[in-house]
């Protein structure tokens, strides 16, 4: 089950109010969620935002993705959280790629090994 932090719309017609929730990626937009981690009200000036920082940090640490709007809200209110997680994710992928690249010549050498000749058995 993969988790995303995204907005869930509530409120009346033409008067939106959003909950920022941790939800399964396969759940509907306003459907089942795992936890409410904040709220966002764009109708007041300035927009009212309240976040549970500890819970957001927990979900991001466990690998939850964020929707575009949820990511921008989190970036503005919890500085450094999104950037550090993106940096660590990039470092991990770079390390995996370097490891694969180092292992690639060994595999190629094994494939070209002249001692192991494959011969087809003739059908008699």
PDB file of N, CA and C in Angstrom:
ATOM      1  N   UNK A   1       0.847  -1.167   0.000  1.00  0.00           N
ATOM      2  CA  UNK A   1       0.000   0.000   0.000  1.00  0.00           C
ATOM      3  C   UNK A   1       0.896   1.235   0.000  1.00  0.00           C
ATOM      4  N   UNK A   2       0.716   2.072  -0.995  1.00  0.00           N
ATOM      5  CA  UNK A   2       1.512   3.283  -1.050  1.00  0.00           C
ATOM      6  C   UNK A   2       0.645   4.464  -0.602  1.00  0.00           C
ATOM      7  N   UNK A   3       1.258   5.373   0.122  1.00  0.00           N
ATOM      8  CA  UNK A   3       0.531   6.463   0.774  1.00  0.00           C
ATOM      9  C   UNK A   3       0.899   7.795   0.135  1.00  0.00           C
ATOM     10  N   UNK A   4      -0.102   8.673   0.010  1.00  0.00           N
ATOM     11  CA  UNK A   4       0.146  10.033  -0.459  1.00  0.00           C
ATOM     12  C   UNK A   4      -0.438  11.021   0.533  1.00  0.00           C
ATOM     13  N   UNK A   5       0.201  12.171   0.630  1.00  0.00           N
ATOM     14  CA  UNK A   5      -0.355  13.296   1.370  1.00  0.00           C
ATOM     15  C   UNK A   5      -1.042  14.160   0.327  1.00  0.00           C
ATOM     16  N   UNK A   6      -2.345  14.334   0.482  1.00  0.00           N
ATOM     17  CA  UNK A   6      -3.094  15.080  -0.523  1.00  0.00           C
ATOM     18  C   UNK A   6      -4.259  15.821   0.114  1.00  0.00           C
ATOM     19  N   UNK A   7      -4.935  16.633  -0.687  1.00  0.00           N
ATOM     20  CA  UNK A   7      -6.051  17.421  -0.175  1.00  0.00           C
ATOM     21  C   UNK A   7      -7.370  16.702  -0.409  1.00  0.00           C
ATOM     22  N   UNK A   8      -8.260  16.852   0.564  1.00  0.00           N
ATOM     23  CA  UNK A   8      -9.587  16.258   0.492  1.00  0.00           C
ATOM     24  C   UNK A   8     -10.578  17.411   0.599  1.00  0.00           C
ATOM     25  N   UNK A   9     -11.424  17.599  -0.419  1.00  0.00           N
ATOM     26  CA  UNK A   9     -12.287  18.778  -0.476  1.00  0.00           C
ATOM     27  C   UNK A   9     -13.527  18.602   0.384  1.00  0.00           C
ATOM     28  N   UNK A  10     -13.819  19.649   1.137  1.00  0.00           N
ATOM     29  CA  UNK A  10     -15.035  19.728   1.928  1.00  0.00           C
ATOM     30  C   UNK A  10     -15.605  21.127   1.751  1.00  0.00           C
ATOM     31  N   UNK A  11     -16.720  21.417   2.400  1.00  0.00           N
ATOM     32  CA  UNK A  11     -17.313  22.750   2.315  1.00  0.00           C
ATOM     33  C   UNK A  11     -18.451  22.786   1.322  1.00  0.00           C
ATOM     34  N   UNK A  12     -19.070  23.952   1.223  1.00  0.00           N
ATOM     35  CA  UNK A  12     -20.207  24.111   0.333  1.00  0.00           C
ATOM     36  C   UNK A  12     -19.744  24.365  -1.093  1.00  0.00           C
ATOM     37  N   UNK A  13     -20.726  24.422  -1.975  1.00  0.00           N
ATOM     38  CA  UNK A  13     -20.432  24.734  -3.364  1.00  0.00           C
ATOM     39  C   UNK A  13     -19.871  26.155  -3.447  1.00  0.00           C
ATOM     40  N   UNK A  14     -18.780  26.312  -4.172  1.00  0.00           N
ATOM     41  CA  UNK A  14     -18.073  27.582  -4.365  1.00  0.00           C
ATOM     42  C   UNK A  14     -17.447  28.125  -3.079  1.00  0.00           C
ATOM     43  N   UNK A  15     -17.391  27.327  -2.022  1.00  0.00           N
ATOM     44  CA  UNK A  15     -16.742  27.733  -0.778  1.00  0.00           C
ATOM     45  C   UNK A  15     -15.902  26.571  -0.268  1.00  0.00           C
ATOM     46  N   UNK A  16     -14.789  26.292  -0.925  1.00  0.00           N
ATOM     47  CA  UNK A  16     -14.009  25.095  -0.587  1.00  0.00           C
ATOM     48  C   UNK A  16     -13.270  25.221   0.743  1.00  0.00           C
ATOM     49  N   UNK A  17     -13.104  24.080   1.366  1.00  0.00           N
ATOM     50  CA  UNK A  17     -12.306  23.913   2.578  1.00  0.00           C
ATOM     51  C   UNK A  17     -11.633  22.559   2.413  1.00  0.00           C
ATOM     52  N   UNK A  18     -10.350  22.502   2.654  1.00  0.00           N
ATOM     53  CA  UNK A  18      -9.618  21.260   2.394  1.00  0.00           C
ATOM     54  C   UNK A  18      -9.027  20.684   3.669  1.00  0.00           C
ATOM     55  N   UNK A  19      -9.034  19.360   3.759  1.00  0.00           N
ATOM     56  CA  UNK A  19      -8.284  18.647   4.773  1.00  0.00           C
ATOM     57  C   UNK A  19      -7.056  18.068   4.085  1.00  0.00           C
ATOM     58  N   UNK A  20      -5.923  18.167   4.726  1.00  0.00           N
ATOM     59  CA  UNK A  20      -4.718  17.527   4.202  1.00  0.00           C
ATOM     60  C   UNK A  20      -4.652  16.180   4.894  1.00  0.00           C
ATOM     61  N   UNK A  21      -4.714  15.109   4.102  1.00  0.00           N
ATOM     62  CA  UNK A  21      -4.810  13.768   4.666  1.00  0.00           C
ATOM     63  C   UNK A  21      -3.708  12.858   4.131  1.00  0.00           C
ATOM     64  N   UNK A  22      -3.412  11.835   4.917  1.00  0.00           N
ATOM     65  CA  UNK A  22      -2.561  10.742   4.456  1.00  0.00           C
ATOM     66  C   UNK A  22      -3.527   9.659   4.002  1.00  0.00           C
ATOM     67  N   UNK A  23      -3.489   9.316   2.715  1.00  0.00           N
ATOM     68  CA  UNK A  23      -4.445   8.361   2.167  1.00  0.00           C
ATOM     69  C   UNK A  23      -3.741   7.362   1.266  1.00  0.00           C
ATOM     70  N   UNK A  24      -4.363   6.204   1.114  1.00  0.00           N
ATOM     71  CA  UNK A  24      -3.891   5.202   0.168  1.00  0.00           C
ATOM     72  C   UNK A  24      -4.034   5.783  -1.231  1.00  0.00           C
ATOM     73  N   UNK A  25      -3.082   5.521  -2.105  1.00  0.00           N
ATOM     74  CA  UNK A  25      -3.123   6.110  -3.450  1.00  0.00           C
ATOM     75  C   UNK A  25      -4.332   5.640  -4.252  1.00  0.00           C
ATOM     76  N   UNK A  26      -4.856   4.462  -3.933  1.00  0.00           N
ATOM     77  CA  UNK A  26      -5.985   3.934  -4.684  1.00  0.00           C
ATOM     78  C   UNK A  26      -7.334   4.410  -4.152  1.00  0.00           C
ATOM     79  N   UNK A  27      -7.348   5.108  -3.030  1.00  0.00           N
ATOM     80  CA  UNK A  27      -8.593   5.624  -2.472  1.00  0.00           C
ATOM     81  C   UNK A  27      -9.067   6.828  -3.282  1.00  0.00           C
ATOM     82  N   UNK A  28     -10.387   7.040  -3.282  1.00  0.00           N
ATOM     83  CA  UNK A  28     -10.945   8.177  -4.007  1.00  0.00           C
ATOM     84  C   UNK A  28     -10.536   9.493  -3.352  1.00  0.00           C
ATOM     85  N   UNK A  29     -10.695  10.589  -4.094  1.00  0.00           N
ATOM     86  CA  UNK A  29     -10.246  11.897  -3.604  1.00  0.00           C
ATOM     87  C   UNK A  29     -10.863  12.242  -2.243  1.00  0.00           C
ATOM     88  N   UNK A  30     -12.156  12.077  -2.118  1.00  0.00           N
ATOM     89  CA  UNK A  30     -12.831  12.396  -0.858  1.00  0.00           C
ATOM     90  C   UNK A  30     -13.197  11.138  -0.082  1.00  0.00           C
ATOM     91  N   UNK A  31     -12.553  10.037  -0.408  1.00  0.00           N
ATOM     92  CA  UNK A  31     -12.890   8.757   0.202  1.00  0.00           C
ATOM     93  C   UNK A  31     -12.116   8.474   1.473  1.00  0.00           C
ATOM     94  N   UNK A  32     -11.839   7.205   1.671  1.00  0.00           N
ATOM     95  CA  UNK A  32     -11.192   6.746   2.894  1.00  0.00           C
ATOM     96  C   UNK A  32      -9.774   7.296   3.015  1.00  0.00           C
ATOM     97  N   UNK A  33      -9.409   7.648   4.225  1.00  0.00           N
ATOM     98  CA  UNK A  33      -8.065   8.149   4.488  1.00  0.00           C
ATOM     99  C   UNK A  33      -7.517   7.486   5.739  1.00  0.00           C
ATOM    100  N   UNK A  34      -6.212   7.572   5.924  1.00  0.00           N
ATOM    101  CA  UNK A  34      -5.564   6.971   7.075  1.00  0.00           C
ATOM    102  C   UNK A  34      -5.525   7.933   8.259  1.00  0.00           C
ATOM    103  N   UNK A  35      -5.245   9.211   7.973  1.00  0.00           N
ATOM    104  CA  UNK A  35      -5.110  10.186   9.054  1.00  0.00           C
ATOM    105  C   UNK A  35      -5.232  11.600   8.498  1.00  0.00           C
ATOM    106  N   UNK A  36      -5.846  12.494   9.280  1.00  0.00           N
ATOM    107  CA  UNK A  36      -5.890  13.919   8.940  1.00  0.00           C
ATOM    108  C   UNK A  36      -4.634  14.557   9.514  1.00  0.00           C
ATOM    109  N   UNK A  37      -3.842  15.201   8.660  1.00  0.00           N
ATOM    110  CA  UNK A  37      -2.596  15.811   9.122  1.00  0.00           C
ATOM    111  C   UNK A  37      -2.624  17.333   9.054  1.00  0.00           C
ATOM    112  N   UNK A  38      -3.724  17.919   8.595  1.00  0.00           N
ATOM    113  CA  UNK A  38      -3.811  19.368   8.557  1.00  0.00           C
ATOM    114  C   UNK A  38      -5.058  19.840   7.843  1.00  0.00           C
ATOM    115  N   UNK A  39      -5.228  21.179   7.813  1.00  0.00           N
ATOM    116  CA  UNK A  39      -6.351  21.787   7.107  1.00  0.00           C
ATOM    117  C   UNK A  39      -5.848  22.981   6.307  1.00  0.00           C
ATOM    118  N   UNK A  40      -6.633  23.341   5.278  1.00  0.00           N
ATOM    119  CA  UNK A  40      -6.292  24.467   4.406  1.00  0.00           C
ATOM    120  C   UNK A  40      -7.590  25.145   4.001  1.00  0.00           C
ATOM    121  N   UNK A  41      -7.717  26.438   4.342  1.00  0.00           N
ATOM    122  CA  UNK A  41      -8.906  27.202   3.989  1.00  0.00           C
ATOM    123  C   UNK A  41      -8.495  28.368   3.100  1.00  0.00           C
ATOM    124  N   UNK A  42      -8.700  28.247   1.775  1.00  0.00           N
ATOM    125  CA  UNK A  42      -8.282  29.311   0.862  1.00  0.00           C
ATOM    126  C   UNK A  42      -9.249  30.496   0.813  1.00  0.00           C
ATOM    127  N   UNK A  43     -10.394  30.410   1.498  1.00  0.00           N
ATOM    128  CA  UNK A  43     -11.412  31.450   1.399  1.00  0.00           C
ATOM    129  C   UNK A  43     -11.143  32.661   2.297  1.00  0.00           C
ATOM    130  N   UNK A  44     -10.292  32.529   3.286  1.00  0.00           N
ATOM    131  CA  UNK A  44      -9.972  33.676   4.142  1.00  0.00           C
ATOM    132  C   UNK A  44      -8.682  34.318   3.649  1.00  0.00           C
ATOM    133  N   UNK A  45      -8.498  35.591   4.002  1.00  0.00           N
ATOM    134  CA  UNK A  45      -7.307  36.306   3.546  1.00  0.00           C
ATOM    135  C   UNK A  45      -6.422  36.618   4.735  1.00  0.00           C
ATOM    136  N   UNK A  46      -5.217  36.156   4.872  1.00  0.00           N
ATOM    137  CA  UNK A  46      -4.537  35.154   4.051  1.00  0.00           C
ATOM    138  C   UNK A  46      -5.075  33.756   4.331  1.00  0.00           C
ATOM    139  N   UNK A  47      -4.767  32.837   3.457  1.00  0.00           N
ATOM    140  CA  UNK A  47      -5.285  31.474   3.567  1.00  0.00           C
ATOM    141  C   UNK A  47      -4.888  30.862   4.909  1.00  0.00           C
ATOM    142  N   UNK A  48      -5.870  30.244   5.570  1.00  0.00           N
ATOM    143  CA  UNK A  48      -5.620  29.638   6.881  1.00  0.00           C
ATOM    144  C   UNK A  48      -5.095  28.223   6.691  1.00  0.00           C
ATOM    145  N   UNK A  49      -3.927  27.957   7.264  1.00  0.00           N
ATOM    146  CA  UNK A  49      -3.301  26.646   7.146  1.00  0.00           C
ATOM    147  C   UNK A  49      -2.898  26.182   8.535  1.00  0.00           C
ATOM    148  N   UNK A  50      -3.288  24.965   8.876  1.00  0.00           N
ATOM    149  CA  UNK A  50      -2.809  24.378  10.135  1.00  0.00           C
ATOM    150  C   UNK A  50      -2.307  22.969   9.824  1.00  0.00           C
ATOM    151  N   UNK A  51      -1.125  22.660  10.324  1.00  0.00           N
ATOM    152  CA  UNK A  51      -0.501  21.369  10.043  1.00  0.00           C
ATOM    153  C   UNK A  51      -0.037  20.704  11.333  1.00  0.00           C
ATOM    154  N   UNK A  52      -0.100  19.382  11.354  1.00  0.00           N
ATOM    155  CA  UNK A  52       0.484  18.600  12.439  1.00  0.00           C
ATOM    156  C   UNK A  52       1.885  18.202  11.969  1.00  0.00           C
ATOM    157  N   UNK A  53       2.877  18.999  12.351  1.00  0.00           N
ATOM    158  CA  UNK A  53       4.231  18.821  11.832  1.00  0.00           C
ATOM    159  C   UNK A  53       4.805  17.439  12.122  1.00  0.00           C
ATOM    160  N   UNK A  54       4.620  16.955  13.330  1.00  0.00           N
ATOM    161  CA  UNK A  54       5.188  15.652  13.703  1.00  0.00           C
ATOM    162  C   UNK A  54       4.620  14.531  12.838  1.00  0.00           C
ATOM    163  N   UNK A  55       3.326  14.573  12.596  1.00  0.00           N
ATOM    164  CA  UNK A  55       2.690  13.515  11.796  1.00  0.00           C
ATOM    165  C   UNK A  55       3.106  13.618  10.330  1.00  0.00           C
ATOM    166  N   UNK A  56       3.262  14.826   9.821  1.00  0.00           N
ATOM    167  CA  UNK A  56       3.715  14.996   8.436  1.00  0.00           C
ATOM    168  C   UNK A  56       5.140  14.476   8.298  1.00  0.00           C
ATOM    169  N   UNK A  57       6.000  14.800   9.266  1.00  0.00           N
ATOM    170  CA  UNK A  57       7.374  14.299   9.239  1.00  0.00           C
ATOM    171  C   UNK A  57       7.386  12.779   9.287  1.00  0.00           C
ATOM    172  N   UNK A  58       6.497  12.186  10.083  1.00  0.00           N
ATOM    173  CA  UNK A  58       6.413  10.730  10.166  1.00  0.00           C
ATOM    174  C   UNK A  58       6.044  10.134   8.813  1.00  0.00           C
ATOM    175  N   UNK A  59       4.991  10.668   8.182  1.00  0.00           N
ATOM    176  CA  UNK A  59       4.542  10.097   6.907  1.00  0.00           C
ATOM    177  C   UNK A  59       5.581  10.294   5.807  1.00  0.00           C
ATOM    178  N   UNK A  60       6.237  11.441   5.790  1.00  0.00           N
ATOM    179  CA  UNK A  60       7.274  11.680   4.776  1.00  0.00           C
ATOM    180  C   UNK A  60       8.446  10.722   5.002  1.00  0.00           C
ATOM    181  N   UNK A  61       8.792  10.491   6.278  1.00  0.00           N
ATOM    182  CA  UNK A  61       9.894   9.575   6.597  1.00  0.00           C
ATOM    183  C   UNK A  61       9.565   8.140   6.204  1.00  0.00           C
ATOM    184  N   UNK A  62       8.292   7.763   6.251  1.00  0.00           N
ATOM    185  CA  UNK A  62       7.909   6.398   5.871  1.00  0.00           C
ATOM    186  C   UNK A  62       7.763   6.243   4.364  1.00  0.00           C
ATOM    187  N   UNK A  63       7.945   7.343   3.614  1.00  0.00           N
ATOM    188  CA  UNK A  63       7.940   7.239   2.156  1.00  0.00           C
ATOM    189  C   UNK A  63       6.681   7.725   1.482  1.00  0.00           C
ATOM    190  N   UNK A  64       5.847   8.475   2.182  1.00  0.00           N
ATOM    191  CA  UNK A  64       4.623   8.988   1.567  1.00  0.00           C
ATOM    192  C   UNK A  64       4.956  10.062   0.540  1.00  0.00           C
ATOM    193  N   UNK A  65       4.322   9.977  -0.607  1.00  0.00           N
ATOM    194  CA  UNK A  65       4.473  11.002  -1.641  1.00  0.00           C
ATOM    195  C   UNK A  65       3.515  12.141  -1.331  1.00  0.00           C
ATOM    196  N   UNK A  66       3.744  13.300  -1.954  1.00  0.00           N
ATOM    197  CA  UNK A  66       2.841  14.428  -1.760  1.00  0.00           C
ATOM    198  C   UNK A  66       2.289  14.873  -3.100  1.00  0.00           C
ATOM    199  N   UNK A  67       1.027  15.317  -3.084  1.00  0.00           N
ATOM    200  CA  UNK A  67       0.484  15.910  -4.297  1.00  0.00           C
ATOM    201  C   UNK A  67       1.159  17.275  -4.477  1.00  0.00           C
ATOM    202  N   UNK A  68       0.996  17.889  -5.638  1.00  0.00           N
ATOM    203  CA  UNK A  68       1.678  19.156  -5.907  1.00  0.00           C
ATOM    204  C   UNK A  68       1.273  20.242  -4.923  1.00  0.00           C
ATOM    205  N   UNK A  69      -0.037  20.393  -4.698  1.00  0.00           N
ATOM    206  CA  UNK A  69      -0.500  21.444  -3.802  1.00  0.00           C
ATOM    207  C   UNK A  69      -0.123  21.147  -2.356  1.00  0.00           C
ATOM    208  N   UNK A  70      -0.229  19.905  -1.943  1.00  0.00           N
ATOM    209  CA  UNK A  70       0.168  19.542  -0.581  1.00  0.00           C
ATOM    210  C   UNK A  70       1.661  19.784  -0.385  1.00  0.00           C
ATOM    211  N   UNK A  71       2.472  19.476  -1.389  1.00  0.00           N
ATOM    212  CA  UNK A  71       3.916  19.709  -1.293  1.00  0.00           C
ATOM    213  C   UNK A  71       4.208  21.197  -1.143  1.00  0.00           C
ATOM    214  N   UNK A  72       3.532  22.050  -1.914  1.00  0.00           N
ATOM    215  CA  UNK A  72       3.793  23.492  -1.824  1.00  0.00           C
ATOM    216  C   UNK A  72       3.354  24.040  -0.469  1.00  0.00           C
ATOM    217  N   UNK A  73       2.245  23.553   0.084  1.00  0.00           N
ATOM    218  CA  UNK A  73       1.797  23.996   1.407  1.00  0.00           C
ATOM    219  C   UNK A  73       2.800  23.567   2.469  1.00  0.00           C
ATOM    220  N   UNK A  74       3.279  22.335   2.369  1.00  0.00           N
ATOM    221  CA  UNK A  74       4.254  21.828   3.342  1.00  0.00           C
ATOM    222  C   UNK A  74       5.570  22.597   3.236  1.00  0.00           C
ATOM    223  N   UNK A  75       6.015  22.892   2.016  1.00  0.00           N
ATOM    224  CA  UNK A  75       7.259  23.648   1.824  1.00  0.00           C
ATOM    225  C   UNK A  75       7.199  25.017   2.480  1.00  0.00           C
ATOM    226  N   UNK A  76       6.041  25.685   2.354  1.00  0.00           N
ATOM    227  CA  UNK A  76       5.905  27.029   2.907  1.00  0.00           C
ATOM    228  C   UNK A  76       5.861  27.011   4.435  1.00  0.00           C
ATOM    229  N   UNK A  77       5.268  25.979   5.021  1.00  0.00           N
ATOM    230  CA  UNK A  77       5.045  25.972   6.461  1.00  0.00           C
ATOM    231  C   UNK A  77       6.056  25.162   7.261  1.00  0.00           C
ATOM    232  N   UNK A  78       6.701  24.194   6.640  1.00  0.00           N
ATOM    233  CA  UNK A  78       7.746  23.413   7.310  1.00  0.00           C
ATOM    234  C   UNK A  78       8.990  23.497   6.438  1.00  0.00           C
ATOM    235  N   UNK A  79       9.765  24.573   6.581  1.00  0.00           N
ATOM    236  CA  UNK A  79      10.912  24.755   5.686  1.00  0.00           C
ATOM    237  C   UNK A  79      11.964  23.662   5.850  1.00  0.00           C
ATOM    238  N   UNK A  80      12.489  23.204   4.726  1.00  0.00           N
ATOM    239  CA  UNK A  80      13.568  22.229   4.729  1.00  0.00           C
ATOM    240  C   UNK A  80      13.134  20.782   4.713  1.00  0.00           C
ATOM    241  N   UNK A  81      11.890  20.489   5.050  1.00  0.00           N
ATOM    242  CA  UNK A  81      11.455  19.088   5.143  1.00  0.00           C
ATOM    243  C   UNK A  81      11.450  18.410   3.780  1.00  0.00           C
ATOM    244  N   UNK A  82      10.805  19.019   2.811  1.00  0.00           N
ATOM    245  CA  UNK A  82      10.681  18.417   1.488  1.00  0.00           C
ATOM    246  C   UNK A  82      12.031  18.353   0.798  1.00  0.00           C
ATOM    247  N   UNK A  83      12.833  19.410   0.933  1.00  0.00           N
ATOM    248  CA  UNK A  83      14.130  19.460   0.265  1.00  0.00           C
ATOM    249  C   UNK A  83      15.062  18.365   0.778  1.00  0.00           C
ATOM    250  N   UNK A  84      15.096  18.180   2.113  1.00  0.00           N
ATOM    251  CA  UNK A  84      16.000  17.169   2.671  1.00  0.00           C
ATOM    252  C   UNK A  84      15.577  15.766   2.272  1.00  0.00           C
ATOM    253  N   UNK A  85      14.275  15.510   2.217  1.00  0.00           N
ATOM    254  CA  UNK A  85      13.826  14.173   1.816  1.00  0.00           C
ATOM    255  C   UNK A  85      14.122  13.921   0.344  1.00  0.00           C
ATOM    256  N   UNK A  86      13.968  14.958  -0.497  1.00  0.00           N
ATOM    257  CA  UNK A  86      14.286  14.799  -1.918  1.00  0.00           C
ATOM    258  C   UNK A  86      15.778  14.571  -2.109  1.00  0.00           C
ATOM    259  N   UNK A  87      16.603  15.280  -1.341  1.00  0.00           N
ATOM    260  CA  UNK A  87      18.056  15.096  -1.434  1.00  0.00           C
ATOM    261  C   UNK A  87      18.457  13.685  -1.048  1.00  0.00           C
ATOM    262  N   UNK A  88      17.916  13.192   0.067  1.00  0.00           N
ATOM    263  CA  UNK A  88      18.284  11.843   0.510  1.00  0.00           C
ATOM    264  C   UNK A  88      17.808  10.795  -0.487  1.00  0.00           C
ATOM    265  N   UNK A  89      16.640  11.013  -1.091  1.00  0.00           N
ATOM    266  CA  UNK A  89      16.127  10.077  -2.099  1.00  0.00           C
ATOM    267  C   UNK A  89      17.035  10.060  -3.323  1.00  0.00           C
ATOM    268  N   UNK A  90      17.524  11.239  -3.741  1.00  0.00           N
ATOM    269  CA  UNK A  90      18.428  11.327  -4.889  1.00  0.00           C
ATOM    270  C   UNK A  90      19.765  10.660  -4.590  1.00  0.00           C
ATOM    271  N   UNK A  91      20.258  10.849  -3.360  1.00  0.00           N
ATOM    272  CA  UNK A  91      21.519  10.220  -2.975  1.00  0.00           C
ATOM    273  C   UNK A  91      21.406   8.699  -2.984  1.00  0.00           C
ATOM    274  N   UNK A  92      20.298   8.181  -2.504  1.00  0.00           N
ATOM    275  CA  UNK A  92      20.094   6.727  -2.488  1.00  0.00           C
ATOM    276  C   UNK A  92      20.053   6.163  -3.902  1.00  0.00           C
ATOM    277  N   UNK A  93      19.337   6.847  -4.805  1.00  0.00           N
ATOM    278  CA  UNK A  93      19.266   6.351  -6.180  1.00  0.00           C
ATOM    279  C   UNK A  93      20.625   6.445  -6.866  1.00  0.00           C
ATOM    280  N   UNK A  94      21.377   7.505  -6.577  1.00  0.00           N
ATOM    281  CA  UNK A  94      22.720   7.643  -7.169  1.00  0.00           C
ATOM    282  C   UNK A  94      23.633   6.523  -6.670  1.00  0.00           C
ATOM    283  N   UNK A  95      23.532   6.172  -5.393  1.00  0.00           N
ATOM    284  CA  UNK A  95      24.349   5.091  -4.843  1.00  0.00           C
ATOM    285  C   UNK A  95      23.976   3.752  -5.478  1.00  0.00           C
ATOM    286  N   UNK A  96      22.686   3.516  -5.676  1.00  0.00           N
ATOM    287  CA  UNK A  96      22.242   2.270  -6.313  1.00  0.00           C
ATOM    288  C   UNK A  96      22.747   2.193  -7.756  1.00  0.00           C
ATOM    289  N   UNK A  97      22.661   3.310  -8.477  1.00  0.00           N
ATOM    290  CA  UNK A  97      23.135   3.329  -9.861  1.00  0.00           C
ATOM    291  C   UNK A  97      24.632   3.077  -9.947  1.00  0.00           C
ATOM    292  N   UNK A  98      25.401   3.675  -9.020  1.00  0.00           N
ATOM    293  CA  UNK A  98      26.847   3.476  -9.014  1.00  0.00           C
ATOM    294  C   UNK A  98      27.183   2.011  -8.715  1.00  0.00           C
ATOM    295  N   UNK A  99      26.435   1.415  -7.822  1.00  0.00           N
ATOM    296  CA  UNK A  99      26.658   0.010  -7.483  1.00  0.00           C
ATOM    297  C   UNK A  99      26.362  -0.884  -8.688  1.00  0.00           C
ATOM    298  N   UNK A 100      25.246  -0.581  -9.389  1.00  0.00           N
ATOM    299  CA  UNK A 100      24.898  -1.351 -10.584  1.00  0.00           C
ATOM    300  C   UNK A 100      25.940  -1.177 -11.681  1.00  0.00           C
ATOM    301  N   UNK A 101      26.437   0.038 -11.822  1.00  0.00           N
ATOM    302  CA  UNK A 101      27.429   0.327 -12.854  1.00  0.00           C
ATOM    303  C   UNK A 101      28.738  -0.401 -12.564  1.00  0.00           C
ATOM    304  N   UNK A 102      29.103  -0.485 -11.289  1.00  0.00           N
ATOM    305  CA  UNK A 102      30.335  -1.189 -10.910  1.00  0.00           C
ATOM    306  C   UNK A 102      30.184  -2.688 -11.134  1.00  0.00           C
ATOM    307  N   UNK A 103      28.977  -3.218 -10.962  1.00  0.00           N
ATOM    308  CA  UNK A 103      28.745  -4.651 -11.143  1.00  0.00           C
ATOM    309  C   UNK A 103      28.596  -5.026 -12.623  1.00  0.00           C
ATOM    310  N   UNK A 104      28.284  -4.069 -13.475  1.00  0.00           N
ATOM    311  CA  UNK A 104      28.053  -4.346 -14.898  1.00  0.00           C
ATOM    312  C   UNK A 104      29.288  -4.908 -15.603  1.00  0.00           C
ATOM    313  N   UNK A 105      30.512  -4.384 -15.427  1.00  0.00           N
ATOM    314  CA  UNK A 105      31.674  -4.959 -16.109  1.00  0.00           C
ATOM    315  C   UNK A 105      31.950  -6.412 -15.686  1.00  0.00           C
ATOM    316  N   UNK A 106      31.679  -6.738 -14.441  1.00  0.00           N
ATOM    317  CA  UNK A 106      31.881  -8.106 -13.979  1.00  0.00           C
ATOM    318  C   UNK A 106      30.940  -9.067 -14.703  1.00  0.00           C
ATOM    319  N   UNK A 107      29.692  -8.628 -14.877  1.00  0.00           N
ATOM    320  CA  UNK A 107      28.722  -9.471 -15.579  1.00  0.00           C
ATOM    321  C   UNK A 107      29.111  -9.640 -17.044  1.00  0.00           C
ATOM    322  N   UNK A 108      29.601  -8.555 -17.642  1.00  0.00           N
ATOM    323  CA  UNK A 108      30.007  -8.613 -19.045  1.00  0.00           C
ATOM    324  C   UNK A 108      31.207  -9.536 -19.210  1.00  0.00           C
ATOM    325  N   UNK A 109      32.124  -9.527 -18.261  1.00  0.00           N
ATOM    326  CA  UNK A 109      33.303 -10.403 -18.319  1.00  0.00           C
ATOM    327  C   UNK A 109      32.889 -11.865 -18.196  1.00  0.00           C
ATOM    328  N   UNK A 110      31.926 -12.147 -17.363  1.00  0.00           N
ATOM    329  CA  UNK A 110      31.443 -13.520 -17.212  1.00  0.00           C
ATOM    330  C   UNK A 110      30.773 -14.008 -18.484  1.00  0.00           C
ATOM    331  N   UNK A 111      30.069 -13.123 -19.151  1.00  0.00           N
ATOM    332  CA  UNK A 111      29.367 -13.503 -20.368  1.00  0.00           C
ATOM    333  C   UNK A 111      30.349 -13.811 -21.502  1.00  0.00           C
ATOM    334  N   UNK A 112      31.512 -13.127 -21.526  1.00  0.00           N
ATOM    335  CA  UNK A 112      32.496 -13.328 -22.581  1.00  0.00           C
ATOM    336  C   UNK A 112      33.538 -14.381 -22.224  1.00  0.00           C
ATOM    337  N   UNK A 113      33.356 -15.080 -21.148  1.00  0.00           N
ATOM    338  CA  UNK A 113      34.318 -16.075 -20.683  1.00  0.00           C
ATOM    339  C   UNK A 113      34.433 -17.198 -21.720  1.00  0.00           C
ATOM    340  N   UNK A 114      35.638 -17.423 -22.318  1.00  0.00           N
ATOM    341  CA  UNK A 114      35.792 -18.443 -23.369  1.00  0.00           C
ATOM    342  C   UNK A 114      35.718 -19.872 -22.829  1.00  0.00           C
ATOM    343  N   UNK A 115      35.912 -20.077 -21.543  1.00  0.00           N
ATOM    344  CA  UNK A 115      35.878 -21.425 -20.992  1.00  0.00           C
ATOM    345  C   UNK A 115      34.477 -22.029 -21.060  1.00  0.00           C
ATOM    346  N   UNK A 116      33.504 -21.179 -20.948  1.00  0.00           N
ATOM    347  CA  UNK A 116      32.129 -21.671 -20.951  1.00  0.00           C
ATOM    348  C   UNK A 116      31.544 -21.496 -22.348  1.00  0.00           C
ATOM    349  N   UNK A 117      31.744 -22.500 -23.171  1.00  0.00           N
ATOM    350  CA  UNK A 117      31.180 -22.447 -24.512  1.00  0.00           C
ATOM    351  C   UNK A 117      29.867 -23.202 -24.501  1.00  0.00           C
ATOM    352  N   UNK A 118      28.905 -22.617 -25.114  1.00  0.00           N
ATOM    353  CA  UNK A 118      27.611 -23.271 -25.203  1.00  0.00           C
ATOM    354  C   UNK A 118      27.509 -23.938 -26.561  1.00  0.00           C
ATOM    355  N   UNK A 119      27.191 -25.171 -26.556  1.00  0.00           N
ATOM    356  CA  UNK A 119      27.013 -25.886 -27.808  1.00  0.00           C
ATOM    357  C   UNK A 119      25.622 -26.438 -27.863  1.00  0.00           C
ATOM    358  N   UNK A 120      25.097 -26.435 -29.062  1.00  0.00           N
ATOM    359  CA  UNK A 120      23.752 -26.973 -29.263  1.00  0.00           C
ATOM    360  C   UNK A 120      23.866 -28.485 -29.467  1.00  0.00           C
ATOM    361  N   UNK A 121      23.017 -29.192 -28.810  1.00  0.00           N
ATOM    362  CA  UNK A 121      22.988 -30.643 -29.002  1.00  0.00           C
ATOM    363  C   UNK A 121      22.175 -30.922 -30.252  1.00  0.00           C
ATOM    364  N   UNK A 122      22.744 -31.729 -31.101  1.00  0.00           N
ATOM    365  CA  UNK A 122      22.049 -32.025 -32.325  1.00  0.00           C
ATOM    366  C   UNK A 122      20.959 -33.074 -32.071  1.00  0.00           C
ATOM    367  N   UNK A 123      19.849 -32.855 -32.683  1.00  0.00           N
ATOM    368  CA  UNK A 123      18.720 -33.792 -32.518  1.00  0.00           C
ATOM    369  C   UNK A 123      18.935 -34.958 -33.477  1.00  0.00           C
ATOM    370  N   UNK A 124      19.022 -36.158 -32.943  1.00  0.00           N
ATOM    371  CA  UNK A 124      19.293 -37.305 -33.789  1.00  0.00           C
ATOM    372  C   UNK A 124      18.067 -38.086 -34.104  1.00  0.00           C
TER     373      UNK A 124
END
